[in-house]
């Protein structure tokens, strides 16, 4: 897979995510989360991002970040 293919893949993901109107991006993969959220920020899309473990932890405990 070439660098161009990877760039096209993240662009497709950013486009699809932005179409959902979601206010937050959740992912279980830290590398993907960093890549996609960075591409979204670069594109001017302001969507919060969070690892799924942190999301669940916040909702099952008294710990809020």
PDB file of N, CA and C in Angstrom:
ATOM      1  N   UNK A   1       0.849  -1.162   0.000  1.00  0.00           N
ATOM      2  CA  UNK A   1       0.000   0.000   0.000  1.00  0.00           C
ATOM      3  C   UNK A   1       0.901   1.232   0.000  1.00  0.00           C
ATOM      4  N   UNK A   2       0.616   2.154  -0.871  1.00  0.00           N
ATOM      5  CA  UNK A   2       1.438   3.360  -0.993  1.00  0.00           C
ATOM      6  C   UNK A   2       0.964   4.457  -0.030  1.00  0.00           C
ATOM      7  N   UNK A   3       1.810   5.460   0.137  1.00  0.00           N
ATOM      8  CA  UNK A   3       1.445   6.608   0.971  1.00  0.00           C
ATOM      9  C   UNK A   3       0.208   7.300   0.404  1.00  0.00           C
ATOM     10  N   UNK A   4       0.119   7.370  -0.922  1.00  0.00           N
ATOM     11  CA  UNK A   4      -1.056   7.981  -1.555  1.00  0.00           C
ATOM     12  C   UNK A   4      -2.331   7.207  -1.216  1.00  0.00           C
ATOM     13  N   UNK A   5      -2.222   5.867  -1.181  1.00  0.00           N
ATOM     14  CA  UNK A   5      -3.382   5.039  -0.825  1.00  0.00           C
ATOM     15  C   UNK A   5      -3.819   5.305   0.613  1.00  0.00           C
ATOM     16  N   UNK A   6      -2.837   5.447   1.514  1.00  0.00           N
ATOM     17  CA  UNK A   6      -3.165   5.719   2.918  1.00  0.00           C
ATOM     18  C   UNK A   6      -3.819   7.083   3.063  1.00  0.00           C
ATOM     19  N   UNK A   7      -3.326   8.071   2.333  1.00  0.00           N
ATOM     20  CA  UNK A   7      -3.924   9.403   2.370  1.00  0.00           C
ATOM     21  C   UNK A   7      -5.348   9.388   1.849  1.00  0.00           C
ATOM     22  N   UNK A   8      -5.583   8.618   0.784  1.00  0.00           N
ATOM     23  CA  UNK A   8      -6.931   8.510   0.228  1.00  0.00           C
ATOM     24  C   UNK A   8      -7.860   7.796   1.202  1.00  0.00           C
ATOM     25  N   UNK A   9      -7.319   6.805   1.913  1.00  0.00           N
ATOM     26  CA  UNK A   9      -8.132   6.049   2.861  1.00  0.00           C
ATOM     27  C   UNK A   9      -8.595   6.949   4.012  1.00  0.00           C
ATOM     28  N   UNK A  10      -7.686   7.737   4.582  1.00  0.00           N
ATOM     29  CA  UNK A  10      -8.084   8.606   5.691  1.00  0.00           C
ATOM     30  C   UNK A  10      -9.015   9.711   5.200  1.00  0.00           C
ATOM     31  N   UNK A  11      -8.820  10.187   3.981  1.00  0.00           N
ATOM     32  CA  UNK A  11      -9.728  11.201   3.425  1.00  0.00           C
ATOM     33  C   UNK A  11     -11.140  10.633   3.298  1.00  0.00           C
ATOM     34  N   UNK A  12     -11.244   9.400   2.814  1.00  0.00           N
ATOM     35  CA  UNK A  12     -12.557   8.749   2.706  1.00  0.00           C
ATOM     36  C   UNK A  12     -13.215   8.619   4.079  1.00  0.00           C
ATOM     37  N   UNK A  13     -12.423   8.238   5.079  1.00  0.00           N
ATOM     38  CA  UNK A  13     -12.968   8.081   6.429  1.00  0.00           C
ATOM     39  C   UNK A  13     -13.436   9.423   6.987  1.00  0.00           C
ATOM     40  N   UNK A  14     -12.626  10.468   6.804  1.00  0.00           N
ATOM     41  CA  UNK A  14     -13.002  11.806   7.275  1.00  0.00           C
ATOM     42  C   UNK A  14     -14.287  12.263   6.589  1.00  0.00           C
ATOM     43  N   UNK A  15     -14.378  12.054   5.290  1.00  0.00           N
ATOM     44  CA  UNK A  15     -15.590  12.433   4.552  1.00  0.00           C
ATOM     45  C   UNK A  15     -16.812  11.697   5.089  1.00  0.00           C
ATOM     46  N   UNK A  16     -16.671  10.387   5.308  1.00  0.00           N
ATOM     47  CA  UNK A  16     -17.800   9.590   5.808  1.00  0.00           C
ATOM     48  C   UNK A  16     -18.204  10.008   7.221  1.00  0.00           C
ATOM     49  N   UNK A  17     -17.228  10.246   8.080  1.00  0.00           N
ATOM     50  CA  UNK A  17     -17.520  10.653   9.452  1.00  0.00           C
ATOM     51  C   UNK A  17     -18.219  12.003   9.472  1.00  0.00           C
ATOM     52  N   UNK A  18     -17.733  12.946   8.676  1.00  0.00           N
ATOM     53  CA  UNK A  18     -18.330  14.286   8.679  1.00  0.00           C
ATOM     54  C   UNK A  18     -19.769  14.263   8.162  1.00  0.00           C
ATOM     55  N   UNK A  19     -20.097  13.327   7.301  1.00  0.00           N
ATOM     56  CA  UNK A  19     -21.466  13.210   6.775  1.00  0.00           C
ATOM     57  C   UNK A  19     -22.457  12.743   7.833  1.00  0.00           C
ATOM     58  N   UNK A  20     -21.958  12.083   8.891  1.00  0.00           N
ATOM     59  CA  UNK A  20     -22.872  11.563   9.911  1.00  0.00           C
ATOM     60  C   UNK A  20     -23.397  12.652  10.831  1.00  0.00           C
ATOM     61  N   UNK A  21     -22.662  13.758  10.932  1.00  0.00           N
ATOM     62  CA  UNK A  21     -23.062  14.818  11.853  1.00  0.00           C
ATOM     63  C   UNK A  21     -22.730  14.495  13.298  1.00  0.00           C
ATOM     64  N   UNK A  22     -21.940  13.445  13.522  1.00  0.00           N
ATOM     65  CA  UNK A  22     -21.576  13.049  14.884  1.00  0.00           C
ATOM     66  C   UNK A  22     -20.782  14.154  15.568  1.00  0.00           C
ATOM     67  N   UNK A  23     -20.996  14.297  16.860  1.00  0.00           N
ATOM     68  CA  UNK A  23     -20.260  15.300  17.624  1.00  0.00           C
ATOM     69  C   UNK A  23     -18.978  14.728  18.213  1.00  0.00           C
ATOM     70  N   UNK A  24     -18.820  13.395  18.168  1.00  0.00           N
ATOM     71  CA  UNK A  24     -17.641  12.755  18.740  1.00  0.00           C
ATOM     72  C   UNK A  24     -17.255  11.527  17.916  1.00  0.00           C
ATOM     73  N   UNK A  25     -15.949  11.352  17.756  1.00  0.00           N
ATOM     74  CA  UNK A  25     -15.394  10.179  17.086  1.00  0.00           C
ATOM     75  C   UNK A  25     -14.840   9.248  18.148  1.00  0.00           C
ATOM     76  N   UNK A  26     -15.316   8.011  18.172  1.00  0.00           N
ATOM     77  CA  UNK A  26     -14.808   6.998  19.094  1.00  0.00           C
ATOM     78  C   UNK A  26     -14.068   5.940  18.299  1.00  0.00           C
ATOM     79  N   UNK A  27     -12.961   5.455  18.869  1.00  0.00           N
ATOM     80  CA  UNK A  27     -12.197   4.398  18.218  1.00  0.00           C
ATOM     81  C   UNK A  27     -11.526   3.541  19.271  1.00  0.00           C
ATOM     82  N   UNK A  28     -11.331   2.293  18.952  1.00  0.00           N
ATOM     83  CA  UNK A  28     -10.608   1.382  19.823  1.00  0.00           C
ATOM     84  C   UNK A  28      -9.150   1.258  19.442  1.00  0.00           C
ATOM     85  N   UNK A  29      -8.747   1.900  18.377  1.00  0.00           N
ATOM     86  CA  UNK A  29      -7.375   1.829  17.885  1.00  0.00           C
ATOM     87  C   UNK A  29      -6.738   3.207  17.976  1.00  0.00           C
ATOM     88  N   UNK A  30      -5.740   3.338  18.848  1.00  0.00           N
ATOM     89  CA  UNK A  30      -5.111   4.648  19.080  1.00  0.00           C
ATOM     90  C   UNK A  30      -4.474   5.216  17.816  1.00  0.00           C
ATOM     91  N   UNK A  31      -3.835   4.375  17.016  1.00  0.00           N
ATOM     92  CA  UNK A  31      -3.201   4.846  15.786  1.00  0.00           C
ATOM     93  C   UNK A  31      -4.221   5.414  14.812  1.00  0.00           C
ATOM     94  N   UNK A  32      -5.317   4.699  14.628  1.00  0.00           N
ATOM     95  CA  UNK A  32      -6.382   5.182  13.736  1.00  0.00           C
ATOM     96  C   UNK A  32      -6.998   6.467  14.283  1.00  0.00           C
ATOM     97  N   UNK A  33      -7.210   6.505  15.581  1.00  0.00           N
ATOM     98  CA  UNK A  33      -7.803   7.677  16.208  1.00  0.00           C
ATOM     99  C   UNK A  33      -6.931   8.909  15.987  1.00  0.00           C
ATOM    100  N   UNK A  34      -5.626   8.762  16.180  1.00  0.00           N
ATOM    101  CA  UNK A  34      -4.711   9.885  15.956  1.00  0.00           C
ATOM    102  C   UNK A  34      -4.689  10.308  14.494  1.00  0.00           C
ATOM    103  N   UNK A  35      -4.640   9.330  13.606  1.00  0.00           N
ATOM    104  CA  UNK A  35      -4.576   9.620  12.178  1.00  0.00           C
ATOM    105  C   UNK A  35      -5.848  10.328  11.698  1.00  0.00           C
ATOM    106  N   UNK A  36      -6.991   9.777  12.030  1.00  0.00           N
ATOM    107  CA  UNK A  36      -8.260  10.341  11.557  1.00  0.00           C
ATOM    108  C   UNK A  36      -8.541  11.687  12.220  1.00  0.00           C
ATOM    109  N   UNK A  37      -8.334  11.786  13.539  1.00  0.00           N
ATOM    110  CA  UNK A  37      -8.611  13.060  14.209  1.00  0.00           C
ATOM    111  C   UNK A  37      -7.655  14.147  13.728  1.00  0.00           C
ATOM    112  N   UNK A  38      -6.411  13.788  13.452  1.00  0.00           N
ATOM    113  CA  UNK A  38      -5.461  14.758  12.899  1.00  0.00           C
ATOM    114  C   UNK A  38      -5.866  15.232  11.519  1.00  0.00           C
ATOM    115  N   UNK A  39      -6.335  14.302  10.692  1.00  0.00           N
ATOM    116  CA  UNK A  39      -6.799  14.667   9.345  1.00  0.00           C
ATOM    117  C   UNK A  39      -8.047  15.537   9.426  1.00  0.00           C
ATOM    118  N   UNK A  40      -8.912  15.257  10.383  1.00  0.00           N
ATOM    119  CA  UNK A  40     -10.118  16.066  10.548  1.00  0.00           C
ATOM    120  C   UNK A  40      -9.749  17.488  10.975  1.00  0.00           C
ATOM    121  N   UNK A  41      -8.819  17.605  11.929  1.00  0.00           N
ATOM    122  CA  UNK A  41      -8.382  18.924  12.383  1.00  0.00           C
ATOM    123  C   UNK A  41      -7.740  19.693  11.229  1.00  0.00           C
ATOM    124  N   UNK A  42      -6.908  19.019  10.463  1.00  0.00           N
ATOM    125  CA  UNK A  42      -6.246  19.637   9.308  1.00  0.00           C
ATOM    126  C   UNK A  42      -7.276  20.122   8.286  1.00  0.00           C
ATOM    127  N   UNK A  43      -8.378  19.390   8.169  1.00  0.00           N
ATOM    128  CA  UNK A  43      -9.442  19.739   7.215  1.00  0.00           C
ATOM    129  C   UNK A  43     -10.397  20.797   7.758  1.00  0.00           C
ATOM    130  N   UNK A  44     -10.192  21.208   9.001  1.00  0.00           N
ATOM    131  CA  UNK A  44     -11.058  22.225   9.597  1.00  0.00           C
ATOM    132  C   UNK A  44     -12.332  21.684  10.196  1.00  0.00           C
ATOM    133  N   UNK A  45     -12.393  20.380  10.422  1.00  0.00           N
ATOM    134  CA  UNK A  45     -13.576  19.749  11.005  1.00  0.00           C
ATOM    135  C   UNK A  45     -13.338  19.598  12.496  1.00  0.00           C
ATOM    136  N   UNK A  46     -14.181  20.224  13.294  1.00  0.00           N
ATOM    137  CA  UNK A  46     -13.989  20.182  14.747  1.00  0.00           C
ATOM    138  C   UNK A  46     -14.932  19.166  15.378  1.00  0.00           C
ATOM    139  N   UNK A  47     -14.491  17.938  15.421  1.00  0.00           N
ATOM    140  CA  UNK A  47     -15.235  16.863  16.066  1.00  0.00           C
ATOM    141  C   UNK A  47     -14.367  16.330  17.193  1.00  0.00           C
ATOM    142  N   UNK A  48     -14.927  16.217  18.387  1.00  0.00           N
ATOM    143  CA  UNK A  48     -14.176  15.646  19.498  1.00  0.00           C
ATOM    144  C   UNK A  48     -13.805  14.209  19.164  1.00  0.00           C
ATOM    145  N   UNK A  49     -12.736  13.729  19.744  1.00  0.00           N
ATOM    146  CA  UNK A  49     -12.325  12.344  19.546  1.00  0.00           C
ATOM    147  C   UNK A  49     -11.936  11.742  20.890  1.00  0.00           C
ATOM    148  N   UNK A  50     -12.166  10.439  21.014  1.00  0.00           N
ATOM    149  CA  UNK A  50     -11.936   9.782  22.288  1.00  0.00           C
ATOM    150  C   UNK A  50     -11.770   8.276  22.070  1.00  0.00           C
ATOM    151  N   UNK A  51     -10.882   7.667  22.852  1.00  0.00           N
ATOM    152  CA  UNK A  51     -10.727   6.212  22.805  1.00  0.00           C
ATOM    153  C   UNK A  51     -11.943   5.585  23.476  1.00  0.00           C
ATOM    154  N   UNK A  52     -12.389   4.478  22.962  1.00  0.00           N
ATOM    155  CA  UNK A  52     -13.605   3.832  23.467  1.00  0.00           C
ATOM    156  C   UNK A  52     -13.460   3.434  24.944  1.00  0.00           C
ATOM    157  N   UNK A  53     -12.257   3.045  25.373  1.00  0.00           N
ATOM    158  CA  UNK A  53     -12.056   2.667  26.776  1.00  0.00           C
ATOM    159  C   UNK A  53     -12.277   3.865  27.695  1.00  0.00           C
ATOM    160  N   UNK A  54     -11.790   5.035  27.303  1.00  0.00           N
ATOM    161  CA  UNK A  54     -11.995   6.245  28.095  1.00  0.00           C
ATOM    162  C   UNK A  54     -13.471   6.617  28.135  1.00  0.00           C
ATOM    163  N   UNK A  55     -14.158   6.485  27.002  1.00  0.00           N
ATOM    164  CA  UNK A  55     -15.583   6.777  26.900  1.00  0.00           C
ATOM    165  C   UNK A  55     -16.381   5.898  27.870  1.00  0.00           C
ATOM    166  N   UNK A  56     -16.091   4.604  27.879  1.00  0.00           N
ATOM    167  CA  UNK A  56     -16.806   3.670  28.757  1.00  0.00           C
ATOM    168  C   UNK A  56     -16.458   3.947  30.220  1.00  0.00           C
ATOM    169  N   UNK A  57     -15.186   4.188  30.500  1.00  0.00           N
ATOM    170  CA  UNK A  57     -14.748   4.467  31.864  1.00  0.00           C
ATOM    171  C   UNK A  57     -15.484   5.676  32.433  1.00  0.00           C
ATOM    172  N   UNK A  58     -15.606   6.716  31.654  1.00  0.00           N
ATOM    173  CA  UNK A  58     -16.312   7.917  32.113  1.00  0.00           C
ATOM    174  C   UNK A  58     -17.762   7.630  32.448  1.00  0.00           C
ATOM    175  N   UNK A  59     -18.374   6.739  31.735  1.00  0.00           N
ATOM    176  CA  UNK A  59     -19.795   6.495  31.911  1.00  0.00           C
ATOM    177  C   UNK A  59     -20.101   5.427  32.943  1.00  0.00           C
ATOM    178  N   UNK A  60     -19.088   4.725  33.402  1.00  0.00           N
ATOM    179  CA  UNK A  60     -19.320   3.668  34.388  1.00  0.00           C
ATOM    180  C   UNK A  60     -18.665   3.975  35.732  1.00  0.00           C
ATOM    181  N   UNK A  61     -18.177   5.173  35.873  1.00  0.00           N
ATOM    182  CA  UNK A  61     -17.550   5.552  37.143  1.00  0.00           C
ATOM    183  C   UNK A  61     -17.894   7.000  37.467  1.00  0.00           C
ATOM    184  N   UNK A  62     -17.442   7.452  38.581  1.00  0.00           N
ATOM    185  CA  UNK A  62     -17.650   8.845  38.954  1.00  0.00           C
ATOM    186  C   UNK A  62     -16.553   9.737  38.431  1.00  0.00           C
ATOM    187  N   UNK A  63     -15.630   9.181  37.662  1.00  0.00           N
ATOM    188  CA  UNK A  63     -14.493   9.942  37.128  1.00  0.00           C
ATOM    189  C   UNK A  63     -14.878  10.582  35.811  1.00  0.00           C
ATOM    190  N   UNK A  64     -14.885  11.865  35.773  1.00  0.00           N
ATOM    191  CA  UNK A  64     -15.195  12.618  34.550  1.00  0.00           C
ATOM    192  C   UNK A  64     -13.945  13.388  34.167  1.00  0.00           C
ATOM    193  N   UNK A  65     -13.587  13.319  32.889  1.00  0.00           N
ATOM    194  CA  UNK A  65     -12.413  14.080  32.448  1.00  0.00           C
ATOM    195  C   UNK A  65     -12.802  15.348  31.753  1.00  0.00           C
TER     196      UNK A  65
END
